[in-house]
N, C-alpha and C. Protein backbone atom coordinates (compact mmCIF):
# COMPACT_ATOMS: atom_id res chain seq x y z
N MET A 1 265.40 31.02 -13.08
CA MET A 1 266.32 31.50 -13.51
C MET A 1 266.73 33.03 -12.62
N SER A 2 267.52 33.22 -12.40
CA SER A 2 267.64 34.46 -11.60
C SER A 2 268.85 35.35 -12.11
N ARG A 3 268.04 36.79 -12.22
CA ARG A 3 269.00 37.87 -13.02
C ARG A 3 269.59 38.61 -12.02
N SER A 4 270.74 39.39 -12.67
CA SER A 4 271.85 40.10 -11.64
C SER A 4 271.06 41.07 -11.20
N LEU A 5 271.51 41.28 -9.89
CA LEU A 5 271.08 42.72 -9.17
C LEU A 5 271.66 43.97 -9.89
N TYR A 6 272.65 43.88 -10.94
CA TYR A 6 273.64 44.75 -11.40
C TYR A 6 273.12 44.91 -12.99
N SER A 7 273.10 46.17 -13.46
CA SER A 7 273.24 46.32 -14.93
C SER A 7 274.18 47.16 -15.31
N GLU A 8 274.60 47.36 -16.81
CA GLU A 8 275.54 48.02 -16.87
C GLU A 8 275.28 49.24 -17.15
N GLU A 9 275.95 50.47 -16.79
CA GLU A 9 276.34 51.62 -17.03
C GLU A 9 277.00 51.95 -17.79
N GLU A 10 276.79 53.34 -17.95
CA GLU A 10 278.00 54.08 -19.03
C GLU A 10 279.37 53.60 -18.82
N TRP A 11 279.94 53.65 -19.58
CA TRP A 11 281.86 53.08 -19.25
C TRP A 11 281.91 51.95 -18.58
N GLY A 12 281.02 51.20 -18.93
CA GLY A 12 281.48 49.76 -18.53
C GLY A 12 281.29 49.34 -16.82
N LEU A 13 280.95 50.61 -16.37
CA LEU A 13 280.86 50.12 -15.03
C LEU A 13 279.43 49.57 -14.53
N LEU A 14 279.27 49.32 -13.23
CA LEU A 14 278.03 48.03 -12.87
C LEU A 14 277.58 49.18 -11.86
N ALA A 15 276.28 49.01 -12.01
CA ALA A 15 275.46 49.48 -11.12
C ALA A 15 274.26 48.91 -10.63
N ARG A 16 273.68 49.22 -9.37
CA ARG A 16 272.58 48.33 -9.00
C ARG A 16 271.49 48.75 -9.50
N ALA A 17 270.84 47.41 -10.33
CA ALA A 17 269.52 47.58 -11.18
C ALA A 17 268.46 48.15 -9.90
N ARG A 18 267.96 49.20 -10.28
CA ARG A 18 266.52 50.03 -9.74
C ARG A 18 265.54 49.12 -10.13
N ARG A 19 264.11 48.81 -9.28
CA ARG A 19 263.62 47.84 -9.51
C ARG A 19 262.18 48.49 -8.85
N ARG A 20 261.01 48.11 -9.44
CA ARG A 20 259.48 48.77 -8.38
C ARG A 20 258.72 47.41 -8.41
N TYR A 21 257.84 47.73 -7.35
CA TYR A 21 256.85 47.00 -6.80
C TYR A 21 255.74 47.38 -6.97
N ILE A 22 254.80 46.41 -7.79
CA ILE A 22 253.12 47.18 -7.93
C ILE A 22 252.53 46.28 -7.21
N LEU A 23 251.37 46.83 -6.56
CA LEU A 23 250.38 46.07 -5.98
C LEU A 23 249.15 46.44 -7.12
N ALA A 24 248.72 45.08 -7.38
CA ALA A 24 247.49 45.76 -8.74
C ALA A 24 246.14 44.93 -8.04
N LYS A 25 245.25 44.76 -8.39
CA LYS A 25 243.78 44.31 -7.88
C LYS A 25 243.28 43.88 -9.19
N ILE A 26 242.84 42.59 -9.27
CA ILE A 26 242.11 42.44 -10.41
C ILE A 26 240.51 42.20 -9.85
N ASN A 27 239.76 42.67 -10.70
CA ASN A 27 238.13 42.39 -10.43
C ASN A 27 237.80 41.77 -11.59
N ALA A 28 236.90 40.39 -11.19
CA ALA A 28 236.21 39.55 -11.89
C ALA A 28 235.38 38.81 -10.93
N GLU A 29 234.52 38.15 -11.80
CA GLU A 29 233.70 37.35 -10.93
C GLU A 29 234.49 35.90 -10.51
N LYS A 30 235.04 35.18 -11.44
CA LYS A 30 236.06 34.44 -10.95
C LYS A 30 237.24 34.90 -11.30
N ILE A 31 238.41 34.87 -10.23
CA ILE A 31 239.74 35.39 -10.51
C ILE A 31 240.64 34.17 -11.04
N PRO A 32 241.22 34.60 -12.18
CA PRO A 32 241.88 33.57 -12.72
C PRO A 32 243.23 33.02 -12.33
N ASP A 33 243.74 31.63 -12.42
CA ASP A 33 244.83 31.62 -11.78
C ASP A 33 245.94 32.24 -12.51
N ARG A 34 247.32 32.00 -11.77
CA ARG A 34 248.66 32.87 -12.00
C ARG A 34 248.92 32.47 -13.15
N LYS A 35 248.90 31.27 -13.56
CA LYS A 35 249.48 30.98 -15.14
C LYS A 35 248.56 31.71 -16.22
N ASP A 36 247.84 31.49 -16.28
CA ASP A 36 246.89 32.48 -17.06
C ASP A 36 246.80 33.99 -17.09
N PHE A 37 246.94 34.60 -15.61
CA PHE A 37 247.42 36.03 -15.74
C PHE A 37 248.52 36.54 -16.15
N GLU A 38 249.72 35.59 -15.85
CA GLU A 38 250.88 35.59 -16.45
C GLU A 38 251.03 35.65 -17.86
N LYS A 39 250.10 34.81 -18.74
CA LYS A 39 250.45 34.78 -19.72
C LYS A 39 249.66 36.03 -20.63
N ALA A 40 248.40 36.51 -19.72
CA ALA A 40 248.17 37.59 -20.37
C ALA A 40 248.53 38.88 -20.26
N LEU A 41 249.61 39.12 -19.46
CA LEU A 41 250.45 40.19 -19.14
C LEU A 41 251.57 40.05 -20.15
N TRP A 42 252.09 39.22 -20.22
CA TRP A 42 253.26 38.90 -20.98
C TRP A 42 252.51 39.55 -22.62
N GLY A 43 251.35 38.65 -22.84
CA GLY A 43 250.62 38.87 -24.40
C GLY A 43 250.57 40.31 -24.49
N SER A 44 250.33 41.22 -23.36
CA SER A 44 249.83 42.55 -23.37
C SER A 44 250.96 43.35 -23.67
N ILE A 45 252.03 43.08 -22.81
CA ILE A 45 253.22 43.67 -22.90
C ILE A 45 253.99 44.01 -24.72
N ILE A 46 253.84 42.54 -25.08
CA ILE A 46 254.29 42.05 -26.48
C ILE A 46 253.48 42.77 -27.35
N ARG A 47 252.02 42.94 -27.16
CA ARG A 47 250.97 43.35 -27.95
C ARG A 47 251.47 45.17 -28.05
N LEU A 48 251.80 45.77 -26.95
CA LEU A 48 251.57 47.05 -26.79
C LEU A 48 253.12 47.57 -27.27
N PHE A 49 254.15 46.83 -26.74
CA PHE A 49 255.61 47.52 -26.94
C PHE A 49 256.57 46.54 -27.52
N GLY A 50 256.21 45.37 -28.20
CA GLY A 50 256.87 44.58 -28.67
C GLY A 50 257.85 43.83 -28.32
N GLU A 51 258.71 42.93 -29.08
CA GLU A 51 259.79 41.83 -28.03
C GLU A 51 260.48 42.79 -27.53
N TYR A 52 260.93 43.93 -27.97
CA TYR A 52 262.32 44.69 -27.66
C TYR A 52 261.57 45.22 -26.09
N GLY A 53 260.20 46.07 -25.93
CA GLY A 53 259.90 46.25 -25.05
C GLY A 53 259.56 45.03 -23.91
N ALA A 54 259.17 44.26 -24.17
CA ALA A 54 259.66 43.17 -23.08
C ALA A 54 260.81 42.63 -22.77
N SER A 55 261.85 42.99 -23.28
CA SER A 55 263.11 42.76 -22.92
C SER A 55 263.30 43.50 -22.10
N GLN A 56 263.09 44.91 -21.80
CA GLN A 56 263.25 45.64 -20.85
C GLN A 56 262.95 45.52 -19.75
N VAL A 57 261.78 44.73 -19.44
CA VAL A 57 260.89 44.94 -18.13
C VAL A 57 261.37 44.05 -16.85
N ASP A 58 261.99 43.18 -17.35
CA ASP A 58 262.51 42.08 -15.87
C ASP A 58 261.76 41.78 -15.03
N LEU A 59 260.26 41.36 -15.85
CA LEU A 59 259.14 41.19 -14.86
C LEU A 59 259.14 39.67 -13.97
N LEU A 60 258.64 39.72 -12.69
CA LEU A 60 258.40 38.83 -12.22
C LEU A 60 257.18 38.98 -11.13
N ILE A 61 256.69 37.95 -10.65
CA ILE A 61 255.32 37.80 -10.13
C ILE A 61 255.81 37.39 -8.72
N ILE A 62 255.90 38.29 -7.61
CA ILE A 62 256.32 37.69 -6.23
C ILE A 62 255.04 37.54 -5.62
N GLU A 63 254.00 37.98 -5.92
CA GLU A 63 252.77 37.32 -5.13
C GLU A 63 251.52 37.40 -5.66
N TYR A 64 250.84 36.09 -5.73
CA TYR A 64 249.30 36.25 -6.52
C TYR A 64 248.06 35.35 -5.48
N ASN A 65 247.61 36.03 -5.09
CA ASN A 65 246.57 35.79 -4.16
C ASN A 65 245.25 35.69 -4.76
N GLN A 66 244.78 34.55 -5.21
CA GLN A 66 243.52 34.27 -5.97
C GLN A 66 242.57 34.50 -5.59
N GLU A 67 242.36 34.31 -3.70
CA GLU A 67 240.93 34.74 -3.10
C GLU A 67 241.06 35.92 -2.97
N GLY A 68 241.98 36.85 -2.66
CA GLY A 68 241.54 38.37 -2.78
C GLY A 68 241.87 39.06 -3.98
N GLY A 69 242.66 38.13 -5.05
CA GLY A 69 242.45 39.00 -6.29
C GLY A 69 243.40 39.82 -6.35
N TYR A 70 244.71 40.07 -5.64
CA TYR A 70 245.68 41.03 -5.47
C TYR A 70 246.87 40.19 -5.96
N ILE A 71 248.06 40.97 -6.51
CA ILE A 71 248.95 40.80 -7.11
C ILE A 71 250.22 41.65 -6.60
N ILE A 72 251.47 41.20 -6.22
CA ILE A 72 252.68 41.98 -6.57
C ILE A 72 253.48 41.40 -7.46
N ILE A 73 253.55 42.61 -8.16
CA ILE A 73 254.57 42.10 -9.59
C ILE A 73 255.86 43.42 -9.22
N ARG A 74 257.29 43.04 -9.90
CA ARG A 74 258.41 43.37 -9.51
C ARG A 74 258.91 43.60 -11.42
N CYS A 75 259.08 44.93 -11.30
CA CYS A 75 259.51 45.35 -12.54
C CYS A 75 260.88 46.43 -12.42
N SER A 76 261.38 46.41 -13.50
CA SER A 76 262.65 47.23 -13.62
C SER A 76 262.11 49.12 -13.51
N HIS A 77 262.77 49.87 -12.73
CA HIS A 77 262.24 51.04 -12.75
C HIS A 77 261.76 51.61 -14.01
N ALA A 78 263.19 51.87 -15.24
CA ALA A 78 263.03 52.20 -16.28
C ALA A 78 261.47 51.69 -16.79
N ALA A 79 260.96 50.52 -17.02
CA ALA A 79 260.00 49.98 -17.84
C ALA A 79 258.57 50.09 -16.61
N LEU A 80 258.42 50.85 -15.55
CA LEU A 80 257.10 50.97 -14.94
C LEU A 80 256.41 51.17 -15.61
N PRO A 81 256.25 52.50 -16.41
CA PRO A 81 255.01 52.72 -17.69
C PRO A 81 254.93 51.58 -18.23
N ILE A 82 255.89 50.95 -19.05
CA ILE A 82 255.19 49.91 -19.92
C ILE A 82 254.45 48.92 -19.00
N VAL A 83 254.72 48.62 -17.82
CA VAL A 83 254.36 47.21 -17.09
C VAL A 83 252.78 47.89 -16.50
N ARG A 84 252.74 49.13 -16.25
CA ARG A 84 251.43 49.62 -15.71
C ARG A 84 250.55 50.12 -16.87
N ALA A 85 251.18 50.28 -18.03
CA ALA A 85 249.97 50.29 -19.18
C ALA A 85 249.30 49.00 -19.56
N SER A 86 250.40 48.11 -19.65
CA SER A 86 250.00 46.64 -19.98
C SER A 86 249.37 46.12 -19.13
N ILE A 87 249.08 46.37 -17.80
CA ILE A 87 248.48 45.89 -16.79
C ILE A 87 246.80 46.21 -17.32
N ALA A 88 246.58 47.89 -17.56
CA ALA A 88 245.44 48.47 -17.56
C ALA A 88 244.97 48.01 -18.73
N ALA A 89 245.70 47.59 -19.62
CA ALA A 89 245.43 47.20 -21.11
C ALA A 89 244.47 45.71 -21.33
N ILE A 90 244.83 44.98 -20.25
CA ILE A 90 244.45 43.72 -19.97
C ILE A 90 242.80 43.78 -19.57
N THR A 91 241.79 43.06 -20.56
CA THR A 91 240.44 42.55 -20.16
C THR A 91 240.25 41.66 -20.26
N LYS A 92 240.85 40.79 -20.47
CA LYS A 92 240.51 39.38 -20.51
C LYS A 92 241.58 38.34 -20.18
N VAL A 93 241.48 37.41 -19.52
CA VAL A 93 242.67 36.55 -18.66
C VAL A 93 241.93 35.17 -19.13
N GLY A 94 242.62 34.41 -19.82
CA GLY A 94 241.76 33.21 -20.23
C GLY A 94 240.33 33.44 -20.76
N ASP A 95 239.34 32.65 -20.59
CA ASP A 95 237.90 33.23 -20.74
C ASP A 95 237.33 34.07 -20.29
N GLU A 96 237.89 34.85 -18.87
CA GLU A 96 237.18 35.53 -17.93
C GLU A 96 237.32 36.90 -18.18
N GLU A 97 236.16 37.70 -18.59
CA GLU A 97 236.33 39.08 -18.22
C GLU A 97 236.86 39.74 -16.97
N VAL A 98 237.94 40.58 -16.83
CA VAL A 98 238.71 41.16 -16.02
C VAL A 98 238.76 42.69 -16.11
N ALA A 99 238.98 43.62 -15.05
CA ALA A 99 239.45 44.82 -14.93
C ALA A 99 240.24 44.75 -13.99
N ILE A 100 241.87 45.18 -14.13
CA ILE A 100 242.77 45.44 -13.51
C ILE A 100 243.30 46.59 -13.29
N TYR A 101 243.76 46.94 -12.06
CA TYR A 101 243.64 48.36 -11.85
C TYR A 101 245.07 48.56 -10.96
N THR A 102 246.19 49.18 -10.50
CA THR A 102 247.03 49.67 -9.67
C THR A 102 246.62 50.77 -8.51
N LEU A 103 247.06 49.36 -7.70
CA LEU A 103 246.84 50.22 -6.44
C LEU A 103 247.60 51.33 -5.62
N LEU A 104 249.28 50.61 -5.83
CA LEU A 104 250.42 51.30 -5.40
C LEU A 104 251.53 50.74 -6.02
N VAL A 105 252.60 51.73 -6.08
CA VAL A 105 253.90 51.43 -6.48
C VAL A 105 254.78 51.82 -5.59
N SER A 106 256.23 50.94 -5.20
CA SER A 106 256.68 51.14 -4.05
C SER A 106 258.11 50.84 -4.63
N GLY A 107 259.20 51.38 -4.20
CA GLY A 107 260.64 50.88 -4.52
C GLY A 107 261.14 49.98 -3.66
N THR A 108 260.32 49.52 -2.57
CA THR A 108 260.96 48.33 -2.14
C THR A 108 260.01 47.19 -1.93
N ILE A 109 260.15 46.43 -1.71
CA ILE A 109 258.68 45.25 -1.37
C ILE A 109 258.46 45.34 0.30
N LYS A 110 259.48 45.96 1.04
CA LYS A 110 259.27 45.90 2.65
C LYS A 110 258.33 47.37 2.75
N ALA A 111 258.40 48.19 2.13
CA ALA A 111 257.39 49.60 2.15
C ALA A 111 256.24 49.15 1.34
N LEU A 112 256.22 48.47 0.74
CA LEU A 112 254.79 47.99 -0.22
C LEU A 112 254.22 47.21 0.82
N ARG A 113 254.80 46.03 1.24
CA ARG A 113 253.89 45.43 2.69
C ARG A 113 253.66 46.18 3.67
N ARG A 114 254.30 47.03 4.13
CA ARG A 114 253.94 48.02 5.11
C ARG A 114 252.96 48.69 4.73
N LYS A 115 252.82 49.19 3.71
CA LYS A 115 251.77 50.15 3.34
C LYS A 115 250.47 49.31 2.97
N MET A 116 250.07 48.32 2.85
CA MET A 116 249.21 47.16 2.71
C MET A 116 248.79 46.73 3.85
N ALA A 117 249.76 46.65 4.93
CA ALA A 117 249.36 46.19 6.10
C ALA A 117 248.87 47.76 7.45
N SER A 118 249.17 48.77 6.68
CA SER A 118 248.72 49.68 7.32
C SER A 118 246.96 50.13 7.55
N GLY A 119 246.62 49.71 6.36
CA GLY A 119 245.15 49.50 6.15
C GLY A 119 244.68 51.00 6.13
N THR A 120 245.53 52.26 5.34
CA THR A 120 244.86 53.09 5.01
C THR A 120 244.70 53.26 3.43
N LEU A 121 244.26 52.00 2.63
CA LEU A 121 244.48 52.15 1.15
C LEU A 121 242.83 51.56 1.12
N THR A 122 242.15 52.10 0.32
CA THR A 122 240.68 52.19 -0.16
C THR A 122 241.04 51.15 -1.31
N ASP A 123 240.13 50.84 -1.99
CA ASP A 123 239.72 49.48 -2.81
C ASP A 123 240.68 49.97 -4.33
N ARG A 124 240.60 51.36 -4.46
CA ARG A 124 241.76 51.85 -5.39
C ARG A 124 242.75 52.32 -5.41
N GLY A 125 243.34 51.95 -3.96
CA GLY A 125 244.79 52.47 -3.84
C GLY A 125 245.02 54.06 -3.26
N ARG A 126 243.90 54.25 -3.02
CA ARG A 126 243.95 56.03 -2.50
C ARG A 126 243.79 55.76 -1.19
N GLU A 127 244.75 56.31 -0.28
CA GLU A 127 244.41 56.34 0.88
C GLU A 127 243.33 57.30 1.89
N LYS A 128 242.77 56.51 2.72
CA LYS A 128 241.57 57.02 3.51
C LYS A 128 241.93 58.16 4.11
N SER A 129 240.73 59.04 4.12
CA SER A 129 241.07 60.17 4.74
C SER A 129 240.20 60.40 6.22
N GLY A 130 241.24 60.93 7.25
CA GLY A 130 240.58 60.46 8.46
C GLY A 130 241.58 61.08 9.37
């Protein structure tokens, strides 16, 4: 099911929805599968912000790299703090203890992938000095 790229603004005019792309990293002995992670993320959002907060996020997992433990998540611009807090609050996915942290946030998927490919990120998302 695809959502519209447009959202309602004042006076009934439509404006393009602003989105953010989050690169996150899972640290765990065994990386959980995508379905379990998605269930844990939605559970965290609802637990912290309720159903109304969950309805505002426009969440989509763009990419889930189980081998490397990297995730790219799309959300609405306004809900970025909700999603970041919910990601950080996840400590268990399925039966596996995990630590998940945000490496990078970008306004476009292209810029996010460019920053990933540049090789200037450390394991915690900060740029390498040099």
